[in-house]
Amino acid sequence: MHTRRKLMKILLAAAAGVTLLFGKAGLGLQWAYAKAKKVILPKGTEMSELVAKNPAKLDTRNLETSPMTEFDVMGQTNHPVNIGDWRLHVSGAVTQPGQFTYDDLLKMPAVERNVLLICPGFFAYNGLWKGITMETFLKAVGFKPEATHVKFSGPKGISRKSKRFAIDEVMADKVFLAYQVNGEPLPERHGYPLRLVAEDHYGGRWVKYVDKVIVVAK
């Protein structure tokens, strides 16, 4: 097992622009094609009009960022952590399993963009999410060729939630781990210190309080 310091060096070096074996250009084309088949929402669309919609069928390029005052929430809303002791654990089909502190994550290459969250029948909002670019992260921890999915899990307990996603979605940053929304650190009720952002998926798959990433092989 490599030390966290070595992993951080690898992550920062990867940010220089090393091309992935998966081929990001190919993934980008796949997702661009999927985007072309979606219904383009006009500017000014009310969030209330989207609560019964499937996010996978919506092109949200024209939507404005929803203010935090309009963010609603379902599921667990409190999980206090001592950020100095908190760690993100990475394991599974990787060559360099390890643990990362919150400060480690803030130093990593980031992705930031608007992604629509819909809890069907209840609410919808379009947040500006910022977090780890999983493309660089997974390359740095050395995901193995047989990897097919990535599983994200919240803390232990009766309300623990785990969801897994195809690795091509994760590598294309359609699914990523956010530590910030609308320019602010995640509020506790929205998953501080780290929550999953899953574009094209309903809010029930947006795991909050993530502290484990497991790369799953066939």
C-alpha atoms as a PDB file:
ATOM      1  CA  MET A   1       0.000   0.000   0.000  1.00  0.00           C
ATOM      2  CA  HIS A   2       1.373   3.365  -0.962  1.00  0.00           C
ATOM      3  CA  THR A   3       1.419   6.267   1.472  1.00  0.00           C
ATOM      4  CA  ARG A   4      -1.080   9.095   1.137  1.00  0.00           C
ATOM      5  CA  ARG A   5       1.774  11.448   0.311  1.00  0.00           C
ATOM      6  CA  LYS A   6       2.787   9.344  -2.694  1.00  0.00           C
ATOM      7  CA  LEU A   7      -0.818   9.166  -3.845  1.00  0.00           C
ATOM      8  CA  MET A   8      -1.137  12.940  -3.607  1.00  0.00           C
ATOM      9  CA  LYS A   9       1.985  13.381  -5.725  1.00  0.00           C
ATOM     10  CA  ILE A  10       0.533  11.069  -8.348  1.00  0.00           C
ATOM     11  CA  LEU A  11      -2.771  12.938  -8.346  1.00  0.00           C
ATOM     12  CA  LEU A  12      -1.158  16.326  -8.756  1.00  0.00           C
ATOM     13  CA  ALA A  13       1.111  15.013 -11.517  1.00  0.00           C
ATOM     14  CA  ALA A  14      -1.901  13.564 -13.319  1.00  0.00           C
ATOM     15  CA  ALA A  15      -3.441  17.014 -13.403  1.00  0.00           C
ATOM     16  CA  ALA A  16      -0.761  18.034 -15.879  1.00  0.00           C
ATOM     17  CA  GLY A  17      -2.831  16.416 -18.588  1.00  0.00           C
ATOM     18  CA  VAL A  18      -1.853  12.768 -18.913  1.00  0.00           C
ATOM     19  CA  THR A  19      -4.274  10.980 -21.259  1.00  0.00           C
ATOM     20  CA  LEU A  20      -6.181   8.062 -19.762  1.00  0.00           C
ATOM     21  CA  LEU A  21      -6.108   4.579 -21.234  1.00  0.00           C
ATOM     22  CA  PHE A  22      -9.898   4.733 -21.346  1.00  0.00           C
ATOM     23  CA  GLY A  23      -9.666   7.638 -23.763  1.00  0.00           C
ATOM     24  CA  LYS A  24     -11.565  10.660 -22.497  1.00  0.00           C
ATOM     25  CA  ALA A  25     -12.263  11.815 -26.046  1.00  0.00           C
ATOM     26  CA  GLY A  26     -14.216   8.643 -26.702  1.00  0.00           C
ATOM     27  CA  LEU A  27     -16.187   8.993 -23.499  1.00  0.00           C
ATOM     28  CA  GLY A  28     -16.910  12.611 -24.291  1.00  0.00           C
ATOM     29  CA  LEU A  29     -18.350  11.631 -27.662  1.00  0.00           C
ATOM     30  CA  GLN A  30     -20.547   8.997 -26.049  1.00  0.00           C
ATOM     31  CA  TRP A  31     -22.005  11.463 -23.584  1.00  0.00           C
ATOM     32  CA  ALA A  32     -22.377  14.169 -26.233  1.00  0.00           C
ATOM     33  CA  TYR A  33     -24.451  11.729 -28.258  1.00  0.00           C
ATOM     34  CA  ALA A  34     -26.609  10.958 -25.225  1.00  0.00           C
ATOM     35  CA  LYS A  35     -27.053  14.690 -24.616  1.00  0.00           C
ATOM     36  CA  ALA A  36     -28.220  15.248 -28.180  1.00  0.00           C
ATOM     37  CA  LYS A  37     -31.220  12.976 -27.605  1.00  0.00           C
ATOM     38  CA  LYS A  38     -32.486  14.959 -24.605  1.00  0.00           C
ATOM     39  CA  VAL A  39     -35.224  17.599 -24.429  1.00  0.00           C
ATOM     40  CA  ILE A  40     -33.629  21.048 -24.198  1.00  0.00           C
ATOM     41  CA  LEU A  41     -35.238  23.017 -21.366  1.00  0.00           C
ATOM     42  CA  PRO A  42     -35.758  26.730 -22.110  1.00  0.00           C
ATOM     43  CA  LYS A  43     -34.232  29.454 -19.978  1.00  0.00           C
ATOM     44  CA  GLY A  44     -36.535  30.418 -17.145  1.00  0.00           C
ATOM     45  CA  THR A  45     -37.959  26.922 -16.642  1.00  0.00           C
ATOM     46  CA  GLU A  46     -39.487  26.687 -13.167  1.00  0.00           C
ATOM     47  CA  MET A  47     -38.089  23.953 -10.946  1.00  0.00           C
ATOM     48  CA  SER A  48     -41.641  23.018  -9.944  1.00  0.00           C
ATOM     49  CA  GLU A  49     -42.240  21.931 -13.543  1.00  0.00           C
ATOM     50  CA  LEU A  50     -39.484  19.311 -13.286  1.00  0.00           C
ATOM     51  CA  VAL A  51     -40.428  17.329 -10.177  1.00  0.00           C
ATOM     52  CA  ALA A  52     -42.169  14.630 -12.246  1.00  0.00           C
ATOM     53  CA  LYS A  53     -39.501  14.525 -14.967  1.00  0.00           C
ATOM     54  CA  ASN A  54     -36.714  12.029 -15.569  1.00  0.00           C
ATOM     55  CA  PRO A  55     -33.359  13.870 -15.344  1.00  0.00           C
ATOM     56  CA  ALA A  56     -31.833  11.456 -17.873  1.00  0.00           C
ATOM     57  CA  LYS A  57     -34.147  12.897 -20.550  1.00  0.00           C
ATOM     58  CA  LEU A  58     -33.466  16.582 -19.883  1.00  0.00           C
ATOM     59  CA  ASP A  59     -30.852  18.890 -21.383  1.00  0.00           C
ATOM     60  CA  THR A  60     -30.288  21.490 -18.656  1.00  0.00           C
ATOM     61  CA  ARG A  61     -27.766  23.745 -20.395  1.00  0.00           C
ATOM     62  CA  ASN A  62     -30.109  26.772 -20.170  1.00  0.00           C
ATOM     63  CA  LEU A  63     -31.154  26.368 -16.546  1.00  0.00           C
ATOM     64  CA  GLU A  64     -30.040  28.977 -14.051  1.00  0.00           C
ATOM     65  CA  THR A  65     -28.399  28.042 -10.760  1.00  0.00           C
ATOM     66  CA  SER A  66     -30.968  27.627  -7.992  1.00  0.00           C
ATOM     67  CA  PRO A  67     -30.254  29.688  -4.849  1.00  0.00           C
ATOM     68  CA  MET A  68     -29.498  27.700  -1.712  1.00  0.00           C
ATOM     69  CA  THR A  69     -32.713  28.957  -0.141  1.00  0.00           C
ATOM     70  CA  GLU A  70     -34.594  26.812  -2.676  1.00  0.00           C
ATOM     71  CA  PHE A  71     -32.680  23.608  -1.898  1.00  0.00           C
ATOM     72  CA  ASP A  72     -34.829  20.981  -0.210  1.00  0.00           C
ATOM     73  CA  VAL A  73     -33.658  17.683   1.212  1.00  0.00           C
ATOM     74  CA  MET A  74     -34.773  14.103   1.838  1.00  0.00           C
ATOM     75  CA  GLY A  75     -33.249  11.241   3.798  1.00  0.00           C
ATOM     76  CA  GLN A  76     -30.619  11.687   6.472  1.00  0.00           C
ATOM     77  CA  THR A  77     -29.937  15.329   7.319  1.00  0.00           C
ATOM     78  CA  ASN A  78     -27.419  15.131  10.137  1.00  0.00           C
ATOM     79  CA  HIS A  79     -24.096  13.368  10.437  1.00  0.00           C
ATOM     80  CA  PRO A  80     -21.624  15.492  12.410  1.00  0.00           C
ATOM     81  CA  VAL A  81     -17.958  14.742  11.770  1.00  0.00           C
ATOM     82  CA  ASN A  82     -14.656  15.799  13.251  1.00  0.00           C
ATOM     83  CA  ILE A  83     -13.071  16.944   9.995  1.00  0.00           C
ATOM     84  CA  GLY A  84      -9.573  16.442  11.400  1.00  0.00           C
ATOM     85  CA  ASP A  85     -10.259  12.737  11.929  1.00  0.00           C
ATOM     86  CA  TRP A  86     -12.445  12.150   8.877  1.00  0.00           C
ATOM     87  CA  ARG A  87     -11.017  10.110   5.968  1.00  0.00           C
ATOM     88  CA  LEU A  88     -12.155   9.020   2.508  1.00  0.00           C
ATOM     89  CA  HIS A  89     -11.257   5.314   2.166  1.00  0.00           C
ATOM     90  CA  VAL A  90     -10.484   3.911  -1.294  1.00  0.00           C
ATOM     91  CA  SER A  91     -10.301   0.158  -1.934  1.00  0.00           C
ATOM     92  CA  GLY A  92     -11.279  -2.656  -4.291  1.00  0.00           C
ATOM     93  CA  ALA A  93      -9.873  -3.209  -7.774  1.00  0.00           C
ATOM     94  CA  VAL A  94      -7.096  -0.627  -7.428  1.00  0.00           C
ATOM     95  CA  THR A  95      -3.346  -1.008  -7.196  1.00  0.00           C
ATOM     96  CA  GLN A  96      -2.958   1.762  -4.608  1.00  0.00           C
ATOM     97  CA  PRO A  97      -5.688   1.656  -1.950  1.00  0.00           C
ATOM     98  CA  GLY A  98      -5.492   4.415   0.606  1.00  0.00           C
ATOM     99  CA  GLN A  99      -7.086   7.101   2.737  1.00  0.00           C
ATOM    100  CA  PHE A 100      -7.466  10.814   2.037  1.00  0.00           C
ATOM    101  CA  THR A 101      -8.079  13.725   4.370  1.00  0.00           C
ATOM    102  CA  TYR A 102     -10.477  16.561   3.601  1.00  0.00           C
ATOM    103  CA  ASP A 103      -7.518  18.870   2.937  1.00  0.00           C
ATOM    104  CA  ASP A 104      -6.103  16.299   0.501  1.00  0.00           C
ATOM    105  CA  LEU A 105      -9.343  16.439  -1.489  1.00  0.00           C
ATOM    106  CA  LEU A 106      -9.333  20.226  -1.661  1.00  0.00           C
ATOM    107  CA  LYS A 107      -5.875  20.123  -3.271  1.00  0.00           C
ATOM    108  CA  MET A 108      -6.878  17.693  -6.014  1.00  0.00           C
ATOM    109  CA  PRO A 109      -7.904  18.640  -9.564  1.00  0.00           C
ATOM    110  CA  ALA A 110     -11.554  19.711  -9.438  1.00  0.00           C
ATOM    111  CA  VAL A 111     -14.647  19.685 -11.610  1.00  0.00           C
ATOM    112  CA  GLU A 112     -17.387  22.310 -11.233  1.00  0.00           C
ATOM    113  CA  ARG A 113     -20.682  22.508 -13.071  1.00  0.00           C
ATOM    114  CA  ASN A 114     -24.425  22.814 -12.742  1.00  0.00           C
ATOM    115  CA  VAL A 115     -26.228  19.503 -12.233  1.00  0.00           C
ATOM    116  CA  LEU A 116     -29.959  19.095 -11.739  1.00  0.00           C
ATOM    117  CA  LEU A 117     -31.176  17.099  -8.743  1.00  0.00           C
ATOM    118  CA  ILE A 118     -34.736  15.743  -8.866  1.00  0.00           C
ATOM    119  CA  CYS A 119     -36.510  13.897  -6.072  1.00  0.00           C
ATOM    120  CA  PRO A 120     -39.564  12.762  -8.079  1.00  0.00           C
ATOM    121  CA  GLY A 121     -42.837  14.183  -6.854  1.00  0.00           C
ATOM    122  CA  PHE A 122     -41.170  16.348  -4.219  1.00  0.00           C
ATOM    123  CA  PHE A 123     -38.636  18.905  -5.443  1.00  0.00           C
ATOM    124  CA  ALA A 124     -35.998  19.827  -8.019  1.00  0.00           C
ATOM    125  CA  TYR A 125     -33.081  22.238  -7.950  1.00  0.00           C
ATOM    126  CA  ASN A 126     -30.079  23.021 -10.136  1.00  0.00           C
ATOM    127  CA  GLY A 127     -26.954  23.411  -8.019  1.00  0.00           C
ATOM    128  CA  LEU A 128     -23.456  24.502  -8.990  1.00  0.00           C
ATOM    129  CA  TRP A 129     -21.450  21.593  -7.614  1.00  0.00           C
ATOM    130  CA  LYS A 130     -17.679  21.458  -7.184  1.00  0.00           C
ATOM    131  CA  GLY A 131     -15.599  18.431  -6.278  1.00  0.00           C
ATOM    132  CA  ILE A 132     -13.049  15.800  -7.245  1.00  0.00           C
ATOM    133  CA  THR A 133     -12.620  14.948 -10.892  1.00  0.00           C
ATOM    134  CA  MET A 134     -12.935  11.176 -10.708  1.00  0.00           C
ATOM    135  CA  GLU A 135     -11.076  10.701 -13.983  1.00  0.00           C
ATOM    136  CA  THR A 136      -7.820  11.851 -12.424  1.00  0.00           C
ATOM    137  CA  PHE A 137      -8.581  10.306  -9.053  1.00  0.00           C
ATOM    138  CA  LEU A 138      -9.206   6.784 -10.337  1.00  0.00           C
ATOM    139  CA  LYS A 139      -6.154   6.881 -12.576  1.00  0.00           C
ATOM    140  CA  ALA A 140      -4.019   7.943  -9.618  1.00  0.00           C
ATOM    141  CA  VAL A 141      -5.165   5.066  -7.407  1.00  0.00           C
ATOM    142  CA  GLY A 142      -4.597   2.688 -10.303  1.00  0.00           C
ATOM    143  CA  PHE A 143      -7.983   1.192 -11.157  1.00  0.00           C
ATOM    144  CA  LYS A 144      -7.481  -2.250 -12.690  1.00  0.00           C
ATOM    145  CA  PRO A 145      -8.458  -3.234 -16.272  1.00  0.00           C
ATOM    146  CA  GLU A 146     -11.178  -5.565 -14.985  1.00  0.00           C
ATOM    147  CA  ALA A 147     -12.940  -2.727 -13.122  1.00  0.00           C
ATOM    148  CA  THR A 148     -16.552  -2.298 -14.240  1.00  0.00           C
ATOM    149  CA  HIS A 149     -18.245  -0.176 -11.566  1.00  0.00           C
ATOM    150  CA  VAL A 150     -17.503   2.209  -8.724  1.00  0.00           C
ATOM    151  CA  LYS A 151     -19.448   1.999  -5.465  1.00  0.00           C
ATOM    152  CA  PHE A 152     -19.888   5.010  -3.178  1.00  0.00           C
ATOM    153  CA  SER A 153     -20.911   4.469   0.443  1.00  0.00           C
ATOM    154  CA  GLY A 154     -21.982   6.659   3.319  1.00  0.00           C
ATOM    155  CA  PRO A 155     -21.156   6.133   7.004  1.00  0.00           C
ATOM    156  CA  LYS A 156     -21.995   2.992   8.947  1.00  0.00           C
ATOM    157  CA  GLY A 157     -25.341   2.813  10.710  1.00  0.00           C
ATOM    158  CA  ILE A 158     -28.998   2.046  10.113  1.00  0.00           C
ATOM    159  CA  SER A 159     -29.260   4.763   7.462  1.00  0.00           C
ATOM    160  CA  ARG A 160     -26.130   3.764   5.542  1.00  0.00           C
ATOM    161  CA  LYS A 161     -26.534   4.031   1.774  1.00  0.00           C
ATOM    162  CA  SER A 162     -24.369   2.607  -1.019  1.00  0.00           C
ATOM    163  CA  LYS A 163     -24.828   3.080  -4.772  1.00  0.00           C
ATOM    164  CA  ARG A 164     -22.720   1.894  -7.668  1.00  0.00           C
ATOM    165  CA  PHE A 165     -22.253   3.310 -11.149  1.00  0.00           C
ATOM    166  CA  ALA A 166     -20.705   2.106 -14.398  1.00  0.00           C
ATOM    167  CA  ILE A 167     -17.075   3.112 -14.595  1.00  0.00           C
ATOM    168  CA  ASP A 168     -17.535   4.927 -17.931  1.00  0.00           C
ATOM    169  CA  GLU A 169     -20.000   7.337 -16.272  1.00  0.00           C
ATOM    170  CA  VAL A 170     -17.575   7.952 -13.442  1.00  0.00           C
ATOM    171  CA  MET A 171     -14.586   8.405 -15.743  1.00  0.00           C
ATOM    172  CA  ALA A 172     -16.539  10.968 -17.785  1.00  0.00           C
ATOM    173  CA  ASP A 173     -17.250  12.957 -14.568  1.00  0.00           C
ATOM    174  CA  LYS A 174     -20.967  12.375 -14.983  1.00  0.00           C
ATOM    175  CA  VAL A 175     -20.663  11.092 -11.427  1.00  0.00           C
ATOM    176  CA  PHE A 176     -18.324  12.826  -9.001  1.00  0.00           C
ATOM    177  CA  LEU A 177     -17.778  13.639  -5.330  1.00  0.00           C
ATOM    178  CA  ALA A 178     -18.649  17.210  -4.363  1.00  0.00           C
ATOM    179  CA  TYR A 179     -17.430  19.163  -1.352  1.00  0.00           C
ATOM    180  CA  GLN A 180     -18.936  22.495  -2.383  1.00  0.00           C
ATOM    181  CA  VAL A 181     -22.194  23.828  -3.798  1.00  0.00           C
ATOM    182  CA  ASN A 182     -22.965  27.323  -5.085  1.00  0.00           C
ATOM    183  CA  GLY A 183     -19.523  28.484  -4.002  1.00  0.00           C
ATOM    184  CA  GLU A 184     -19.910  27.335  -0.387  1.00  0.00           C
ATOM    185  CA  PRO A 185     -18.849  24.220   1.554  1.00  0.00           C
ATOM    186  CA  LEU A 186     -21.619  21.628   1.611  1.00  0.00           C
ATOM    187  CA  PRO A 187     -24.068  22.245   4.444  1.00  0.00           C
ATOM    188  CA  GLU A 188     -24.299  19.317   6.850  1.00  0.00           C
ATOM    189  CA  ARG A 189     -27.853  18.487   5.823  1.00  0.00           C
ATOM    190  CA  HIS A 190     -26.716  18.174   2.203  1.00  0.00           C
ATOM    191  CA  GLY A 191     -23.905  15.726   2.956  1.00  0.00           C
ATOM    192  CA  TYR A 192     -20.872  17.540   4.422  1.00  0.00           C
ATOM    193  CA  PRO A 193     -18.042  16.901   3.976  1.00  0.00           C
ATOM    194  CA  LEU A 194     -18.567  14.913   0.753  1.00  0.00           C
ATOM    195  CA  ARG A 195     -21.577  13.879  -1.300  1.00  0.00           C
ATOM    196  CA  LEU A 196     -22.162  12.175  -4.598  1.00  0.00           C
ATOM    197  CA  VAL A 197     -23.356  14.170  -7.599  1.00  0.00           C
ATOM    198  CA  ALA A 198     -24.925  11.842 -10.170  1.00  0.00           C
ATOM    199  CA  GLU A 199     -25.985  13.563 -13.380  1.00  0.00           C
ATOM    200  CA  ASP A 200     -29.015  11.956 -15.090  1.00  0.00           C
ATOM    201  CA  HIS A 201     -29.938  10.054 -11.915  1.00  0.00           C
ATOM    202  CA  TYR A 202     -32.710  10.744  -9.396  1.00  0.00           C
ATOM    203  CA  GLY A 203     -31.736  12.217  -6.041  1.00  0.00           C
ATOM    204  CA  GLY A 204     -32.166   8.880  -4.297  1.00  0.00           C
ATOM    205  CA  ARG A 205     -28.844   7.815  -5.832  1.00  0.00           C
ATOM    206  CA  TRP A 206     -26.980  10.943  -4.725  1.00  0.00           C
ATOM    207  CA  VAL A 207     -25.322   9.412  -1.660  1.00  0.00           C
ATOM    208  CA  LYS A 208     -24.594  11.860   1.171  1.00  0.00           C
ATOM    209  CA  TYR A 209     -21.747  11.790   3.727  1.00  0.00           C
ATOM    210  CA  VAL A 210     -19.607   9.601   1.460  1.00  0.00           C
ATOM    211  CA  ASP A 211     -16.572   8.116   3.214  1.00  0.00           C
ATOM    212  CA  LYS A 212     -15.845   5.050   1.074  1.00  0.00           C
ATOM    213  CA  VAL A 213     -15.092   4.489  -2.617  1.00  0.00           C
ATOM    214  CA  ILE A 214     -14.834   0.883  -3.773  1.00  0.00           C
ATOM    215  CA  VAL A 215     -13.811   0.001  -7.329  1.00  0.00           C
ATOM    216  CA  VAL A 216     -15.719  -3.129  -8.357  1.00  0.00           C
ATOM    217  CA  ALA A 217     -14.359  -5.739 -10.779  1.00  0.00           C
ATOM    218  CA  LYS A 218     -16.286  -8.260 -12.875  1.00  0.00           C
END
